[in-house]
Amino acid sequence: MTEQRSAMAQDSGVRFLYVTTDKLDEAWRIGETLVAERLIACSNVLPGMQSCYRWEGKLVRANESLLILKTREALVERVIARVKALHSTTVPCVVALQVVAGNADYLAWITRETQG
């Protein structure tokens, strides 16, 4: 079983970026901008997320929207820089997650859509 699991856990070259925003319209604007610029293939916007974090010494509870951005590894740094430029907060949450397995046709679509 371990050998089978290791064989499946390979880098697909695709990355999902996890991004949060304070405002739903900002989430849509960031996602649509990055798709139009072909930096990502797709953006999922999930409104209504609730967060708890410490900021500037205070405990904060906030309503946020979550974006999941899908791109290639080669574009991650450009996507991060673009999100930071488009985002309204000074320290936006934007992290890249490696995709190690998935529907090969879907992963290929992400690659095609981001090769503009």
PDB file of N, CA and C in Angstrom:
ATOM      1  N   MET A   1       0.814  -1.194   0.000  1.00  0.00           N
ATOM      2  CA  MET A   1       0.000   0.000   0.000  1.00  0.00           C
ATOM      3  C   MET A   1       0.858   1.258   0.000  1.00  0.00           C
ATOM      4  N   THR A   2       1.956   1.250   0.739  1.00  0.00           N
ATOM      5  CA  THR A   2       2.828   2.421   0.802  1.00  0.00           C
ATOM      6  C   THR A   2       3.424   2.733  -0.559  1.00  0.00           C
ATOM      7  N   GLU A   3       3.865   1.699  -1.290  1.00  0.00           N
ATOM      8  CA  GLU A   3       4.427   1.927  -2.625  1.00  0.00           C
ATOM      9  C   GLU A   3       3.380   2.506  -3.555  1.00  0.00           C
ATOM     10  N   GLN A   4       2.149   2.004  -3.491  1.00  0.00           N
ATOM     11  CA  GLN A   4       1.085   2.520  -4.336  1.00  0.00           C
ATOM     12  C   GLN A   4       0.799   3.985  -3.997  1.00  0.00           C
ATOM     13  N   ARG A   5       0.739   4.329  -2.732  1.00  0.00           N
ATOM     14  CA  ARG A   5       0.485   5.697  -2.316  1.00  0.00           C
ATOM     15  C   ARG A   5       1.611   6.615  -2.782  1.00  0.00           C
ATOM     16  N   SER A   6       2.860   6.178  -2.667  1.00  0.00           N
ATOM     17  CA  SER A   6       4.003   6.977  -3.107  1.00  0.00           C
ATOM     18  C   SER A   6       3.961   7.219  -4.602  1.00  0.00           C
ATOM     19  N   ALA A   7       3.568   6.202  -5.361  1.00  0.00           N
ATOM     20  CA  ALA A   7       3.505   6.339  -6.810  1.00  0.00           C
ATOM     21  C   ALA A   7       2.440   7.356  -7.212  1.00  0.00           C
ATOM     22  N   MET A   8       1.351   7.433  -6.451  1.00  0.00           N
ATOM     23  CA  MET A   8       0.280   8.376  -6.772  1.00  0.00           C
ATOM     24  C   MET A   8       0.636   9.798  -6.350  1.00  0.00           C
ATOM     25  N   ALA A   9       1.438   9.954  -5.333  1.00  0.00           N
ATOM     26  CA  ALA A   9       1.758  11.277  -4.796  1.00  0.00           C
ATOM     27  C   ALA A   9       2.912  11.893  -5.567  1.00  0.00           C
ATOM     28  N   GLN A  10       2.613  12.358  -6.758  1.00  0.00           N
ATOM     29  CA  GLN A  10       3.606  13.023  -7.586  1.00  0.00           C
ATOM     30  C   GLN A  10       3.134  14.451  -7.832  1.00  0.00           C
ATOM     31  N   ASP A  11       4.073  15.317  -8.110  1.00  0.00           N
ATOM     32  CA  ASP A  11       3.723  16.709  -8.368  1.00  0.00           C
ATOM     33  C   ASP A  11       3.081  16.824  -9.752  1.00  0.00           C
ATOM     34  N   SER A  12       1.863  17.314  -9.782  1.00  0.00           N
ATOM     35  CA  SER A  12       1.140  17.480 -11.051  1.00  0.00           C
ATOM     36  C   SER A  12       1.564  18.740 -11.790  1.00  0.00           C
ATOM     37  N   GLY A  13       2.262  19.637 -11.096  1.00  0.00           N
ATOM     38  CA  GLY A  13       2.604  20.932 -11.692  1.00  0.00           C
ATOM     39  C   GLY A  13       1.499  21.958 -11.527  1.00  0.00           C
ATOM     40  N   VAL A  14       0.379  21.538 -10.941  1.00  0.00           N
ATOM     41  CA  VAL A  14      -0.755  22.435 -10.708  1.00  0.00           C
ATOM     42  C   VAL A  14      -0.731  22.889  -9.260  1.00  0.00           C
ATOM     43  N   ARG A  15      -1.135  24.137  -9.044  1.00  0.00           N
ATOM     44  CA  ARG A  15      -1.215  24.687  -7.705  1.00  0.00           C
ATOM     45  C   ARG A  15      -2.582  25.314  -7.498  1.00  0.00           C
ATOM     46  N   PHE A  16      -3.131  25.122  -6.312  1.00  0.00           N
ATOM     47  CA  PHE A  16      -4.341  25.821  -5.880  1.00  0.00           C
ATOM     48  C   PHE A  16      -3.885  26.876  -4.886  1.00  0.00           C
ATOM     49  N   LEU A  17      -4.325  28.095  -5.076  1.00  0.00           N
ATOM     50  CA  LEU A  17      -4.001  29.164  -4.135  1.00  0.00           C
ATOM     51  C   LEU A  17      -5.220  29.465  -3.292  1.00  0.00           C
ATOM     52  N   TYR A  18      -4.987  29.544  -1.994  1.00  0.00           N
ATOM     53  CA  TYR A  18      -6.011  29.822  -1.001  1.00  0.00           C
ATOM     54  C   TYR A  18      -5.890  31.292  -0.646  1.00  0.00           C
ATOM     55  N   VAL A  19      -6.972  32.049  -0.876  1.00  0.00           N
ATOM     56  CA  VAL A  19      -6.967  33.493  -0.664  1.00  0.00           C
ATOM     57  C   VAL A  19      -8.244  33.867   0.083  1.00  0.00           C
ATOM     58  N   THR A  20      -8.126  34.765   1.051  1.00  0.00           N
ATOM     59  CA  THR A  20      -9.313  35.270   1.727  1.00  0.00           C
ATOM     60  C   THR A  20      -9.457  36.766   1.470  1.00  0.00           C
ATOM     61  N   THR A  21     -10.706  37.227   1.470  1.00  0.00           N
ATOM     62  CA  THR A  21     -10.997  38.649   1.313  1.00  0.00           C
ATOM     63  C   THR A  21     -12.076  39.055   2.309  1.00  0.00           C
ATOM     64  N   ASP A  22     -12.114  40.339   2.634  1.00  0.00           N
ATOM     65  CA  ASP A  22     -13.140  40.876   3.532  1.00  0.00           C
ATOM     66  C   ASP A  22     -14.471  41.058   2.821  1.00  0.00           C
ATOM     67  N   LYS A  23     -14.405  41.273   1.528  1.00  0.00           N
ATOM     68  CA  LYS A  23     -15.607  41.641   0.776  1.00  0.00           C
ATOM     69  C   LYS A  23     -15.841  40.671  -0.386  1.00  0.00           C
ATOM     70  N   LEU A  24     -17.093  40.264  -0.573  1.00  0.00           N
ATOM     71  CA  LEU A  24     -17.449  39.349  -1.647  1.00  0.00           C
ATOM     72  C   LEU A  24     -17.138  39.935  -3.020  1.00  0.00           C
ATOM     73  N   ASP A  25     -17.455  41.217  -3.228  1.00  0.00           N
ATOM     74  CA  ASP A  25     -17.191  41.817  -4.536  1.00  0.00           C
ATOM     75  C   ASP A  25     -15.694  41.872  -4.839  1.00  0.00           C
ATOM     76  N   GLU A  26     -14.868  42.004  -3.817  1.00  0.00           N
ATOM     77  CA  GLU A  26     -13.419  41.991  -4.023  1.00  0.00           C
ATOM     78  C   GLU A  26     -12.955  40.597  -4.455  1.00  0.00           C
ATOM     79  N   ALA A  27     -13.527  39.575  -3.859  1.00  0.00           N
ATOM     80  CA  ALA A  27     -13.183  38.202  -4.245  1.00  0.00           C
ATOM     81  C   ALA A  27     -13.502  37.971  -5.720  1.00  0.00           C
ATOM     82  N   TRP A  28     -14.700  38.382  -6.133  1.00  0.00           N
ATOM     83  CA  TRP A  28     -15.078  38.225  -7.543  1.00  0.00           C
ATOM     84  C   TRP A  28     -14.150  39.029  -8.458  1.00  0.00           C
ATOM     85  N   ARG A  29     -13.837  40.261  -8.066  1.00  0.00           N
ATOM     86  CA  ARG A  29     -12.977  41.118  -8.910  1.00  0.00           C
ATOM     87  C   ARG A  29     -11.588  40.502  -9.076  1.00  0.00           C
ATOM     88  N   ILE A  30     -11.008  40.011  -7.991  1.00  0.00           N
ATOM     89  CA  ILE A  30      -9.678  39.391  -8.072  1.00  0.00           C
ATOM     90  C   ILE A  30      -9.733  38.158  -8.961  1.00  0.00           C
ATOM     91  N   GLY A  31     -10.692  37.287  -8.723  1.00  0.00           N
ATOM     92  CA  GLY A  31     -10.799  36.060  -9.515  1.00  0.00           C
ATOM     93  C   GLY A  31     -11.008  36.335 -10.993  1.00  0.00           C
ATOM     94  N   GLU A  32     -11.938  37.220 -11.315  1.00  0.00           N
ATOM     95  CA  GLU A  32     -12.219  37.524 -12.716  1.00  0.00           C
ATOM     96  C   GLU A  32     -11.035  38.191 -13.403  1.00  0.00           C
ATOM     97  N   THR A  33     -10.333  39.060 -12.695  1.00  0.00           N
ATOM     98  CA  THR A  33      -9.159  39.719 -13.266  1.00  0.00           C
ATOM     99  C   THR A  33      -8.082  38.696 -13.611  1.00  0.00           C
ATOM    100  N   LEU A  34      -7.817  37.766 -12.712  1.00  0.00           N
ATOM    101  CA  LEU A  34      -6.757  36.785 -12.938  1.00  0.00           C
ATOM    102  C   LEU A  34      -7.118  35.788 -14.033  1.00  0.00           C
ATOM    103  N   VAL A  35      -8.401  35.442 -14.158  1.00  0.00           N
ATOM    104  CA  VAL A  35      -8.821  34.587 -15.271  1.00  0.00           C
ATOM    105  C   VAL A  35      -8.648  35.345 -16.586  1.00  0.00           C
ATOM    106  N   ALA A  36      -9.088  36.603 -16.625  1.00  0.00           N
ATOM    107  CA  ALA A  36      -8.957  37.407 -17.844  1.00  0.00           C
ATOM    108  C   ALA A  36      -7.502  37.570 -18.258  1.00  0.00           C
ATOM    109  N   GLU A  37      -6.604  37.668 -17.277  1.00  0.00           N
ATOM    110  CA  GLU A  37      -5.169  37.808 -17.563  1.00  0.00           C
ATOM    111  C   GLU A  37      -4.492  36.467 -17.828  1.00  0.00           C
ATOM    112  N   ARG A  38      -5.237  35.383 -17.770  1.00  0.00           N
ATOM    113  CA  ARG A  38      -4.758  34.014 -17.999  1.00  0.00           C
ATOM    114  C   ARG A  38      -3.684  33.581 -17.000  1.00  0.00           C
ATOM    115  N   LEU A  39      -3.686  34.212 -15.823  1.00  0.00           N
ATOM    116  CA  LEU A  39      -2.773  33.792 -14.761  1.00  0.00           C
ATOM    117  C   LEU A  39      -3.339  32.588 -14.011  1.00  0.00           C
ATOM    118  N   ILE A  40      -4.662  32.440 -14.040  1.00  0.00           N
ATOM    119  CA  ILE A  40      -5.321  31.284 -13.448  1.00  0.00           C
ATOM    120  C   ILE A  40      -6.339  30.744 -14.446  1.00  0.00           C
ATOM    121  N   ALA A  41      -6.692  29.472 -14.293  1.00  0.00           N
ATOM    122  CA  ALA A  41      -7.706  28.874 -15.152  1.00  0.00           C
ATOM    123  C   ALA A  41      -9.102  29.069 -14.584  1.00  0.00           C
ATOM    124  N   CYS A  42      -9.192  29.139 -13.265  1.00  0.00           N
ATOM    125  CA  CYS A  42     -10.486  29.145 -12.608  1.00  0.00           C
ATOM    126  C   CYS A  42     -10.361  29.762 -11.226  1.00  0.00           C
ATOM    127  N   SER A  43     -11.452  30.396 -10.811  1.00  0.00           N
ATOM    128  CA  SER A  43     -11.543  30.919  -9.447  1.00  0.00           C
ATOM    129  C   SER A  43     -12.843  30.445  -8.838  1.00  0.00           C
ATOM    130  N   ASN A  44     -12.763  29.848  -7.675  1.00  0.00           N
ATOM    131  CA  ASN A  44     -13.968  29.507  -6.911  1.00  0.00           C
ATOM    132  C   ASN A  44     -14.121  30.543  -5.816  1.00  0.00           C
ATOM    133  N   VAL A  45     -15.304  31.113  -5.691  1.00  0.00           N
ATOM    134  CA  VAL A  45     -15.591  32.091  -4.649  1.00  0.00           C
ATOM    135  C   VAL A  45     -16.599  31.473  -3.691  1.00  0.00           C
ATOM    136  N   LEU A  46     -16.198  31.381  -2.438  1.00  0.00           N
ATOM    137  CA  LEU A  46     -17.069  30.817  -1.402  1.00  0.00           C
ATOM    138  C   LEU A  46     -17.347  31.899  -0.368  1.00  0.00           C
ATOM    139  N   PRO A  47     -18.537  32.506  -0.404  1.00  0.00           N
ATOM    140  CA  PRO A  47     -18.865  33.550   0.563  1.00  0.00           C
ATOM    141  C   PRO A  47     -19.253  32.951   1.916  1.00  0.00           C
ATOM    142  N   GLY A  48     -19.245  33.783   2.921  1.00  0.00           N
ATOM    143  CA  GLY A  48     -19.782  33.390   4.214  1.00  0.00           C
ATOM    144  C   GLY A  48     -18.842  32.634   5.127  1.00  0.00           C
ATOM    145  N   MET A  49     -17.554  32.660   4.851  1.00  0.00           N
ATOM    146  CA  MET A  49     -16.597  32.020   5.741  1.00  0.00           C
ATOM    147  C   MET A  49     -16.416  32.907   6.968  1.00  0.00           C
ATOM    148  N   GLN A  50     -16.278  32.290   8.120  1.00  0.00           N
ATOM    149  CA  GLN A  50     -16.032  33.048   9.337  1.00  0.00           C
ATOM    150  C   GLN A  50     -14.645  32.715   9.851  1.00  0.00           C
ATOM    151  N   SER A  51     -13.913  33.741  10.255  1.00  0.00           N
ATOM    152  CA  SER A  51     -12.529  33.578  10.681  1.00  0.00           C
ATOM    153  C   SER A  51     -12.311  34.169  12.062  1.00  0.00           C
ATOM    154  N   CYS A  52     -11.325  33.639  12.744  1.00  0.00           N
ATOM    155  CA  CYS A  52     -10.867  34.160  14.027  1.00  0.00           C
ATOM    156  C   CYS A  52      -9.345  34.218  13.952  1.00  0.00           C
ATOM    157  N   TYR A  53      -8.778  35.377  14.239  1.00  0.00           N
ATOM    158  CA  TYR A  53      -7.324  35.537  14.174  1.00  0.00           C
ATOM    159  C   TYR A  53      -6.897  36.693  15.069  1.00  0.00           C
ATOM    160  N   ARG A  54      -5.610  36.764  15.319  1.00  0.00           N
ATOM    161  CA  ARG A  54      -5.055  37.867  16.099  1.00  0.00           C
ATOM    162  C   ARG A  54      -4.434  38.854  15.108  1.00  0.00           C
ATOM    163  N   TRP A  55      -4.790  40.129  15.252  1.00  0.00           N
ATOM    164  CA  TRP A  55      -4.224  41.173  14.395  1.00  0.00           C
ATOM    165  C   TRP A  55      -3.919  42.379  15.265  1.00  0.00           C
ATOM    166  N   GLU A  56      -2.671  42.825  15.192  1.00  0.00           N
ATOM    167  CA  GLU A  56      -2.200  43.981  15.954  1.00  0.00           C
ATOM    168  C   GLU A  56      -2.571  43.861  17.430  1.00  0.00           C
ATOM    169  N   GLY A  57      -2.376  42.649  17.983  1.00  0.00           N
ATOM    170  CA  GLY A  57      -2.579  42.405  19.397  1.00  0.00           C
ATOM    171  C   GLY A  57      -4.013  42.181  19.836  1.00  0.00           C
ATOM    172  N   LYS A  58      -4.943  42.190  18.894  1.00  0.00           N
ATOM    173  CA  LYS A  58      -6.351  42.019  19.245  1.00  0.00           C
ATOM    174  C   LYS A  58      -6.912  40.762  18.584  1.00  0.00           C
ATOM    175  N   LEU A  59      -7.815  40.104  19.276  1.00  0.00           N
ATOM    176  CA  LEU A  59      -8.528  38.963  18.730  1.00  0.00           C
ATOM    177  C   LEU A  59      -9.636  39.475  17.819  1.00  0.00           C
ATOM    178  N   VAL A  60      -9.669  38.975  16.596  1.00  0.00           N
ATOM    179  CA  VAL A  60     -10.627  39.447  15.601  1.00  0.00           C
ATOM    180  C   VAL A  60     -11.501  38.282  15.146  1.00  0.00           C
ATOM    181  N   ARG A  61     -12.787  38.540  15.066  1.00  0.00           N
ATOM    182  CA  ARG A  61     -13.733  37.624  14.432  1.00  0.00           C
ATOM    183  C   ARG A  61     -14.243  38.348  13.195  1.00  0.00           C
ATOM    184  N   ALA A  62     -14.184  37.677  12.040  1.00  0.00           N
ATOM    185  CA  ALA A  62     -14.546  38.366  10.803  1.00  0.00           C
ATOM    186  C   ALA A  62     -15.302  37.443   9.853  1.00  0.00           C
ATOM    187  N   ASN A  63     -16.186  38.059   9.072  1.00  0.00           N
ATOM    188  CA  ASN A  63     -16.814  37.367   7.953  1.00  0.00           C
ATOM    189  C   ASN A  63     -15.930  37.608   6.738  1.00  0.00           C
ATOM    190  N   GLU A  64     -15.619  36.553   6.031  1.00  0.00           N
ATOM    191  CA  GLU A  64     -14.746  36.665   4.867  1.00  0.00           C
ATOM    192  C   GLU A  64     -15.295  35.828   3.723  1.00  0.00           C
ATOM    193  N   SER A  65     -14.724  36.036   2.559  1.00  0.00           N
ATOM    194  CA  SER A  65     -14.972  35.181   1.412  1.00  0.00           C
ATOM    195  C   SER A  65     -13.676  34.457   1.094  1.00  0.00           C
ATOM    196  N   LEU A  66     -13.800  33.243   0.629  1.00  0.00           N
ATOM    197  CA  LEU A  66     -12.645  32.418   0.283  1.00  0.00           C
ATOM    198  C   LEU A  66     -12.558  32.290  -1.221  1.00  0.00           C
ATOM    199  N   LEU A  67     -11.362  32.468  -1.742  1.00  0.00           N
ATOM    200  CA  LEU A  67     -11.097  32.204  -3.153  1.00  0.00           C
ATOM    201  C   LEU A  67     -10.167  31.008  -3.250  1.00  0.00           C
ATOM    202  N   ILE A  68     -10.442  30.138  -4.189  1.00  0.00           N
ATOM    203  CA  ILE A  68      -9.516  29.080  -4.548  1.00  0.00           C
ATOM    204  C   ILE A  68      -9.158  29.333  -6.006  1.00  0.00           C
ATOM    205  N   LEU A  69      -7.890  29.615  -6.242  1.00  0.00           N
ATOM    206  CA  LEU A  69      -7.392  29.948  -7.579  1.00  0.00           C
ATOM    207  C   LEU A  69      -6.581  28.780  -8.110  1.00  0.00           C
ATOM    208  N   LYS A  70      -6.779  28.425  -9.369  1.00  0.00           N
ATOM    209  CA  LYS A  70      -6.108  27.260  -9.947  1.00  0.00           C
ATOM    210  C   LYS A  70      -5.154  27.689 -11.060  1.00  0.00           C
ATOM    211  N   THR A  71      -3.894  27.282 -10.920  1.00  0.00           N
ATOM    212  CA  THR A  71      -2.876  27.713 -11.865  1.00  0.00           C
ATOM    213  C   THR A  71      -1.756  26.686 -11.962  1.00  0.00           C
ATOM    214  N   ARG A  72      -0.734  27.030 -12.735  1.00  0.00           N
ATOM    215  CA  ARG A  72       0.474  26.207 -12.854  1.00  0.00           C
ATOM    216  C   ARG A  72       1.531  26.701 -11.877  1.00  0.00           C
ATOM    217  N   GLU A  73       2.426  25.802 -11.483  1.00  0.00           N
ATOM    218  CA  GLU A  73       3.510  26.155 -10.566  1.00  0.00           C
ATOM    219  C   GLU A  73       4.315  27.341 -11.084  1.00  0.00           C
ATOM    220  N   ALA A  74       4.566  27.387 -12.376  1.00  0.00           N
ATOM    221  CA  ALA A  74       5.392  28.445 -12.958  1.00  0.00           C
ATOM    222  C   ALA A  74       4.776  29.834 -12.793  1.00  0.00           C
ATOM    223  N   LEU A  75       3.472  29.911 -12.546  1.00  0.00           N
ATOM    224  CA  LEU A  75       2.800  31.204 -12.430  1.00  0.00           C
ATOM    225  C   LEU A  75       2.525  31.626 -10.986  1.00  0.00           C
ATOM    226  N   VAL A  76       2.854  30.789 -10.032  1.00  0.00           N
ATOM    227  CA  VAL A  76       2.486  31.060  -8.635  1.00  0.00           C
ATOM    228  C   VAL A  76       3.000  32.418  -8.155  1.00  0.00           C
ATOM    229  N   GLU A  77       4.249  32.731  -8.360  1.00  0.00           N
ATOM    230  CA  GLU A  77       4.793  33.998  -7.867  1.00  0.00           C
ATOM    231  C   GLU A  77       4.095  35.189  -8.512  1.00  0.00           C
ATOM    232  N   ARG A  78       3.783  35.084  -9.802  1.00  0.00           N
ATOM    233  CA  ARG A  78       3.062  36.169 -10.484  1.00  0.00           C
ATOM    234  C   ARG A  78       1.649  36.312  -9.937  1.00  0.00           C
ATOM    235  N   VAL A  79       0.984  35.180  -9.662  1.00  0.00           N
ATOM    236  CA  VAL A  79      -0.363  35.227  -9.103  1.00  0.00           C
ATOM    237  C   VAL A  79      -0.329  35.870  -7.711  1.00  0.00           C
ATOM    238  N   ILE A  80       0.619  35.450  -6.888  1.00  0.00           N
ATOM    239  CA  ILE A  80       0.732  36.035  -5.545  1.00  0.00           C
ATOM    240  C   ILE A  80       0.941  37.546  -5.633  1.00  0.00           C
ATOM    241  N   ALA A  81       1.841  37.976  -6.490  1.00  0.00           N
ATOM    242  CA  ALA A  81       2.105  39.414  -6.638  1.00  0.00           C
ATOM    243  C   ALA A  81       0.857  40.152  -7.124  1.00  0.00           C
ATOM    244  N   ARG A  82       0.142  39.559  -8.040  1.00  0.00           N
ATOM    245  CA  ARG A  82      -1.064  40.200  -8.589  1.00  0.00           C
ATOM    246  C   ARG A  82      -2.170  40.279  -7.530  1.00  0.00           C
ATOM    247  N   VAL A  83      -2.344  39.196  -6.758  1.00  0.00           N
ATOM    248  CA  VAL A  83      -3.338  39.219  -5.682  1.00  0.00           C
ATOM    249  C   VAL A  83      -2.999  40.329  -4.688  1.00  0.00           C
ATOM    250  N   LYS A  84      -1.737  40.440  -4.322  1.00  0.00           N
ATOM    251  CA  LYS A  84      -1.331  41.484  -3.378  1.00  0.00           C
ATOM    252  C   LYS A  84      -1.630  42.878  -3.939  1.00  0.00           C
ATOM    253  N   ALA A  85      -1.430  43.063  -5.234  1.00  0.00           N
ATOM    254  CA  ALA A  85      -1.694  44.359  -5.854  1.00  0.00           C
ATOM    255  C   ALA A  85      -3.198  44.671  -5.912  1.00  0.00           C
ATOM    256  N   LEU A  86      -4.025  43.657  -6.086  1.00  0.00           N
ATOM    257  CA  LEU A  86      -5.466  43.848  -6.224  1.00  0.00           C
ATOM    258  C   LEU A  86      -6.214  43.841  -4.887  1.00  0.00           C
ATOM    259  N   HIS A  87      -5.588  43.318  -3.860  1.00  0.00           N
ATOM    260  CA  HIS A  87      -6.243  43.106  -2.566  1.00  0.00           C
ATOM    261  C   HIS A  87      -6.268  44.395  -1.748  1.00  0.00           C
ATOM    262  N   SER A  88      -7.330  44.569  -0.960  1.00  0.00           N
ATOM    263  CA  SER A  88      -7.481  45.807  -0.192  1.00  0.00           C
ATOM    264  C   SER A  88      -6.771  45.785   1.166  1.00  0.00           C
ATOM    265  N   THR A  89      -6.358  44.618   1.646  1.00  0.00           N
ATOM    266  CA  THR A  89      -5.692  44.585   2.943  1.00  0.00           C
ATOM    267  C   THR A  89      -4.174  44.638   2.790  1.00  0.00           C
ATOM    268  N   THR A  90      -3.486  45.036   3.848  1.00  0.00           N
ATOM    269  CA  THR A  90      -2.035  45.198   3.775  1.00  0.00           C
ATOM    270  C   THR A  90      -1.293  43.858   3.804  1.00  0.00           C
ATOM    271  N   VAL A  91      -1.869  42.849   4.437  1.00  0.00           N
ATOM    272  CA  VAL A  91      -1.225  41.532   4.524  1.00  0.00           C
ATOM    273  C   VAL A  91      -2.260  40.462   4.145  1.00  0.00           C
ATOM    274  N   PRO A  92      -2.564  40.325   2.848  1.00  0.00           N
ATOM    275  CA  PRO A  92      -3.586  39.353   2.466  1.00  0.00           C
ATOM    276  C   PRO A  92      -3.114  37.906   2.656  1.00  0.00           C
ATOM    277  N   CYS A  93      -4.066  37.061   2.995  1.00  0.00           N
ATOM    278  CA  CYS A  93      -3.796  35.626   3.040  1.00  0.00           C
ATOM    279  C   CYS A  93      -3.774  35.123   1.607  1.00  0.00           C
ATOM    280  N   VAL A  94      -2.626  34.674   1.171  1.00  0.00           N
ATOM    281  CA  VAL A  94      -2.507  34.045  -0.146  1.00  0.00           C
ATOM    282  C   VAL A  94      -1.388  33.016  -0.048  1.00  0.00           C
ATOM    283  N   VAL A  95      -1.764  31.743  -0.121  1.00  0.00           N
ATOM    284  CA  VAL A  95      -0.807  30.650  -0.020  1.00  0.00           C
ATOM    285  C   VAL A  95      -1.066  29.639  -1.131  1.00  0.00           C
ATOM    286  N   ALA A  96       0.000  29.017  -1.611  1.00  0.00           N
ATOM    287  CA  ALA A  96      -0.102  28.026  -2.679  1.00  0.00           C
ATOM    288  C   ALA A  96      -0.026  26.619  -2.104  1.00  0.00           C
ATOM    289  N   LEU A  97      -0.890  25.757  -2.613  1.00  0.00           N
ATOM    290  CA  LEU A  97      -0.940  24.365  -2.199  1.00  0.00           C
ATOM    291  C   LEU A  97      -0.644  23.471  -3.396  1.00  0.00           C
ATOM    292  N   GLN A  98       0.224  22.505  -3.198  1.00  0.00           N
ATOM    293  CA  GLN A  98       0.617  21.588  -4.263  1.00  0.00           C
ATOM    294  C   GLN A  98      -0.490  20.557  -4.494  1.00  0.00           C
ATOM    295  N   VAL A  99      -0.803  20.312  -5.759  1.00  0.00           N
ATOM    296  CA  VAL A  99      -1.768  19.278  -6.138  1.00  0.00           C
ATOM    297  C   VAL A  99      -0.963  18.059  -6.570  1.00  0.00           C
ATOM    298  N   VAL A 100      -1.125  16.966  -5.843  1.00  0.00           N
ATOM    299  CA  VAL A 100      -0.311  15.776  -6.122  1.00  0.00           C
ATOM    300  C   VAL A 100      -1.037  14.728  -6.944  1.00  0.00           C
ATOM    301  N   ALA A 101      -2.342  14.817  -7.070  1.00  0.00           N
ATOM    302  CA  ALA A 101      -3.101  13.858  -7.873  1.00  0.00           C
ATOM    303  C   ALA A 101      -4.440  14.478  -8.223  1.00  0.00           C
ATOM    304  N   GLY A 102      -5.061  13.958  -9.256  1.00  0.00           N
ATOM    305  CA  GLY A 102      -6.374  14.451  -9.655  1.00  0.00           C
ATOM    306  C   GLY A 102      -6.740  13.946 -11.026  1.00  0.00           C
ATOM    307  N   ASN A 103      -7.879  14.380 -11.493  1.00  0.00           N
ATOM    308  CA  ASN A 103      -8.348  14.026 -12.830  1.00  0.00           C
ATOM    309  C   ASN A 103      -7.364  14.612 -13.846  1.00  0.00           C
ATOM    310  N   ALA A 104      -6.674  13.754 -14.554  1.00  0.00           N
ATOM    311  CA  ALA A 104      -5.632  14.192 -15.493  1.00  0.00           C
ATOM    312  C   ALA A 104      -6.180  15.147 -16.542  1.00  0.00           C
ATOM    313  N   ASP A 105      -7.399  14.928 -17.004  1.00  0.00           N
ATOM    314  CA  ASP A 105      -7.998  15.817 -18.005  1.00  0.00           C
ATOM    315  C   ASP A 105      -8.226  17.212 -17.420  1.00  0.00           C
ATOM    316  N   TYR A 106      -8.661  17.277 -16.161  1.00  0.00           N
ATOM    317  CA  TYR A 106      -8.887  18.571 -15.511  1.00  0.00           C
ATOM    318  C   TYR A 106      -7.562  19.295 -15.285  1.00  0.00           C
ATOM    319  N   LEU A 107      -6.559  18.581 -14.816  1.00  0.00           N
ATOM    320  CA  LEU A 107      -5.247  19.191 -14.598  1.00  0.00           C
ATOM    321  C   LEU A 107      -4.656  19.704 -15.916  1.00  0.00           C
ATOM    322  N   ALA A 108      -4.869  18.953 -16.992  1.00  0.00           N
ATOM    323  CA  ALA A 108      -4.391  19.402 -18.316  1.00  0.00           C
ATOM    324  C   ALA A 108      -5.141  20.655 -18.758  1.00  0.00           C
ATOM    325  N   TRP A 109      -6.433  20.751 -18.457  1.00  0.00           N
ATOM    326  CA  TRP A 109      -7.216  21.932 -18.788  1.00  0.00           C
ATOM    327  C   TRP A 109      -6.654  23.158 -18.085  1.00  0.00           C
ATOM    328  N   ILE A 110      -6.313  23.029 -16.810  1.00  0.00           N
ATOM    329  CA  ILE A 110      -5.714  24.144 -16.067  1.00  0.00           C
ATOM    330  C   ILE A 110      -4.433  24.607 -16.755  1.00  0.00           C
ATOM    331  N   THR A 111      -3.621  23.658 -17.169  1.00  0.00           N
ATOM    332  CA  THR A 111      -2.367  24.006 -17.859  1.00  0.00           C
ATOM    333  C   THR A 111      -2.659  24.721 -19.174  1.00  0.00           C
ATOM    334  N   ARG A 112      -3.595  24.208 -19.963  1.00  0.00           N
ATOM    335  CA  ARG A 112      -3.927  24.854 -21.245  1.00  0.00           C
ATOM    336  C   ARG A 112      -4.460  26.276 -21.061  1.00  0.00           C
ATOM    337  N   GLU A 113      -5.324  26.457 -20.083  1.00  0.00           N
ATOM    338  CA  GLU A 113      -5.956  27.758 -19.860  1.00  0.00           C
ATOM    339  C   GLU A 113      -4.990  28.816 -19.365  1.00  0.00           C
ATOM    340  N   THR A 114      -3.862  28.406 -18.829  1.00  0.00           N
ATOM    341  CA  THR A 114      -2.897  29.367 -18.295  1.00  0.00           C
ATOM    342  C   THR A 114      -1.662  29.496 -19.183  1.00  0.00           C
ATOM    343  N   GLN A 115      -1.783  29.041 -20.408  1.00  0.00           N
ATOM    344  CA  GLN A 115      -0.687  29.191 -21.359  1.00  0.00           C
ATOM    345  C   GLN A 115      -1.109  30.141 -22.465  1.00  0.00           C
ATOM    346  N   GLY A 116      -1.293  31.402 -22.105  1.00  0.00           N
ATOM    347  CA  GLY A 116      -1.805  32.380 -23.060  1.00  0.00           C
ATOM    348  C   GLY A 116      -0.734  33.082 -23.760  1.00  0.00           C
TER     349      GLY A 116
END
